């Protein structure tokens, strides 16, 4: 798999759009992004989306909750951890 900044940006924009719409209070799964991109006429395969989410996680923009398999914005995950302390 090669790095494609345009595809990474596309996935990040879709992620942020879903978060802003408050449709994903409990986090986002790759299928949520897939559905949105398909509706927008820019479909990507599930494995492509998952790869890009991994890239975004490494960049510190999203965080995976391993217990649920859902992604959250990195700032929201940090806020949750702080409130538990």
C-alpha atoms as a PDB file:
ATOM      1  CA  UNK A   1       0.000   0.000   0.000  1.00  0.00           C
ATOM      2  CA  UNK A   2       1.386   3.394  -0.917  1.00  0.00           C
ATOM      3  CA  UNK A   3       0.839   6.649   0.879  1.00  0.00           C
ATOM      4  CA  UNK A   4      -1.562   8.979  -0.907  1.00  0.00           C
ATOM      5  CA  UNK A   5      -2.003  12.302   0.894  1.00  0.00           C
ATOM      6  CA  UNK A   6      -5.139  13.066  -1.133  1.00  0.00           C
ATOM      7  CA  UNK A   7      -6.801   9.857  -0.012  1.00  0.00           C
ATOM      8  CA  UNK A   8      -5.726  10.457   3.584  1.00  0.00           C
ATOM      9  CA  UNK A   9      -7.226  13.952   3.412  1.00  0.00           C
ATOM     10  CA  UNK A  10     -10.445  12.580   1.899  1.00  0.00           C
ATOM     11  CA  UNK A  11     -10.834  10.103   4.767  1.00  0.00           C
ATOM     12  CA  UNK A  12     -10.025  12.771   7.371  1.00  0.00           C
ATOM     13  CA  UNK A  13     -12.585  15.170   5.882  1.00  0.00           C
ATOM     14  CA  UNK A  14     -15.235  12.430   5.907  1.00  0.00           C
ATOM     15  CA  UNK A  15     -14.308  11.532   9.494  1.00  0.00           C
ATOM     16  CA  UNK A  16     -14.603  15.165  10.587  1.00  0.00           C
ATOM     17  CA  UNK A  17     -17.886  15.584   8.723  1.00  0.00           C
ATOM     18  CA  UNK A  18     -19.368  12.612  10.558  1.00  0.00           C
ATOM     19  CA  UNK A  19     -18.090  13.919  13.898  1.00  0.00           C
ATOM     20  CA  UNK A  20     -19.469  17.414  13.210  1.00  0.00           C
ATOM     21  CA  UNK A  21     -22.871  15.983  12.334  1.00  0.00           C
ATOM     22  CA  UNK A  22     -22.942  14.344  15.776  1.00  0.00           C
ATOM     23  CA  UNK A  23     -24.003  11.175  13.987  1.00  0.00           C
ATOM     24  CA  UNK A  24     -21.150   9.335  15.614  1.00  0.00           C
ATOM     25  CA  UNK A  25     -21.284  10.148  19.311  1.00  0.00           C
ATOM     26  CA  UNK A  26     -19.984   6.684  20.112  1.00  0.00           C
ATOM     27  CA  UNK A  27     -17.191   6.872  17.564  1.00  0.00           C
ATOM     28  CA  UNK A  28     -16.798   5.971  13.923  1.00  0.00           C
ATOM     29  CA  UNK A  29     -16.149   2.664  12.207  1.00  0.00           C
ATOM     30  CA  UNK A  30     -14.640   2.445   8.710  1.00  0.00           C
ATOM     31  CA  UNK A  31     -18.072   1.483   7.329  1.00  0.00           C
ATOM     32  CA  UNK A  32     -19.464   4.876   8.370  1.00  0.00           C
ATOM     33  CA  UNK A  33     -16.833   6.594   6.275  1.00  0.00           C
ATOM     34  CA  UNK A  34     -17.395   4.167   3.420  1.00  0.00           C
ATOM     35  CA  UNK A  35     -21.125   4.950   3.371  1.00  0.00           C
ATOM     36  CA  UNK A  36     -20.509   8.697   3.361  1.00  0.00           C
ATOM     37  CA  UNK A  37     -17.881   8.565   0.615  1.00  0.00           C
ATOM     38  CA  UNK A  38     -20.123   6.367  -1.522  1.00  0.00           C
ATOM     39  CA  UNK A  39     -22.945   8.921  -1.180  1.00  0.00           C
ATOM     40  CA  UNK A  40     -20.502  11.662  -2.174  1.00  0.00           C
ATOM     41  CA  UNK A  41     -19.420   9.755  -5.276  1.00  0.00           C
ATOM     42  CA  UNK A  42     -15.913   8.989  -4.018  1.00  0.00           C
ATOM     43  CA  UNK A  43     -16.063   5.354  -2.889  1.00  0.00           C
ATOM     44  CA  UNK A  44     -13.073   3.652  -1.306  1.00  0.00           C
ATOM     45  CA  UNK A  45     -12.638   0.052  -0.253  1.00  0.00           C
ATOM     46  CA  UNK A  46     -12.856  -0.838   3.411  1.00  0.00           C
ATOM     47  CA  UNK A  47      -9.207  -1.837   3.556  1.00  0.00           C
ATOM     48  CA  UNK A  48      -8.205   1.518   2.019  1.00  0.00           C
ATOM     49  CA  UNK A  49     -10.213   3.416   4.619  1.00  0.00           C
ATOM     50  CA  UNK A  50      -8.794   1.304   7.444  1.00  0.00           C
ATOM     51  CA  UNK A  51      -5.261   1.941   6.162  1.00  0.00           C
ATOM     52  CA  UNK A  52      -5.883   5.684   6.079  1.00  0.00           C
ATOM     53  CA  UNK A  53      -7.349   5.610   9.594  1.00  0.00           C
ATOM     54  CA  UNK A  54      -4.146   3.884  10.734  1.00  0.00           C
ATOM     55  CA  UNK A  55      -2.132   6.659   9.093  1.00  0.00           C
ATOM     56  CA  UNK A  56      -4.272   9.281  10.822  1.00  0.00           C
ATOM     57  CA  UNK A  57      -3.820   7.463  14.120  1.00  0.00           C
ATOM     58  CA  UNK A  58      -0.039   7.524  13.697  1.00  0.00           C
ATOM     59  CA  UNK A  59      -0.279  11.249  12.935  1.00  0.00           C
ATOM     60  CA  UNK A  60      -2.178  11.801  16.184  1.00  0.00           C
ATOM     61  CA  UNK A  61      -5.424  12.926  14.566  1.00  0.00           C
ATOM     62  CA  UNK A  62      -7.642   9.984  15.523  1.00  0.00           C
ATOM     63  CA  UNK A  63      -7.576   7.368  18.256  1.00  0.00           C
ATOM     64  CA  UNK A  64      -8.828   3.796  18.093  1.00  0.00           C
ATOM     65  CA  UNK A  65     -10.727   2.431  21.071  1.00  0.00           C
ATOM     66  CA  UNK A  66      -9.598  -1.216  20.984  1.00  0.00           C
ATOM     67  CA  UNK A  67     -12.513  -2.328  23.160  1.00  0.00           C
ATOM     68  CA  UNK A  68     -15.129  -1.113  20.663  1.00  0.00           C
ATOM     69  CA  UNK A  69     -13.188  -0.922  17.389  1.00  0.00           C
ATOM     70  CA  UNK A  70     -14.397   2.664  16.956  1.00  0.00           C
ATOM     71  CA  UNK A  71     -12.317   5.698  16.117  1.00  0.00           C
ATOM     72  CA  UNK A  72     -12.579   9.015  17.944  1.00  0.00           C
ATOM     73  CA  UNK A  73     -10.966  12.403  17.388  1.00  0.00           C
ATOM     74  CA  UNK A  74      -7.659  12.490  19.227  1.00  0.00           C
ATOM     75  CA  UNK A  75      -8.694  15.542  21.255  1.00  0.00           C
ATOM     76  CA  UNK A  76     -11.918  13.866  22.428  1.00  0.00           C
ATOM     77  CA  UNK A  77     -10.038  10.759  23.506  1.00  0.00           C
ATOM     78  CA  UNK A  78      -7.592  12.896  25.466  1.00  0.00           C
ATOM     79  CA  UNK A  79     -10.473  14.739  27.123  1.00  0.00           C
ATOM     80  CA  UNK A  80     -12.088  11.415  28.135  1.00  0.00           C
ATOM     81  CA  UNK A  81      -8.849  10.177  29.690  1.00  0.00           C
ATOM     82  CA  UNK A  82      -8.439  13.426  31.638  1.00  0.00           C
ATOM     83  CA  UNK A  83     -11.962  13.260  33.010  1.00  0.00           C
ATOM     84  CA  UNK A  84     -11.347   9.713  34.319  1.00  0.00           C
ATOM     85  CA  UNK A  85      -8.225  10.738  36.242  1.00  0.00           C
END
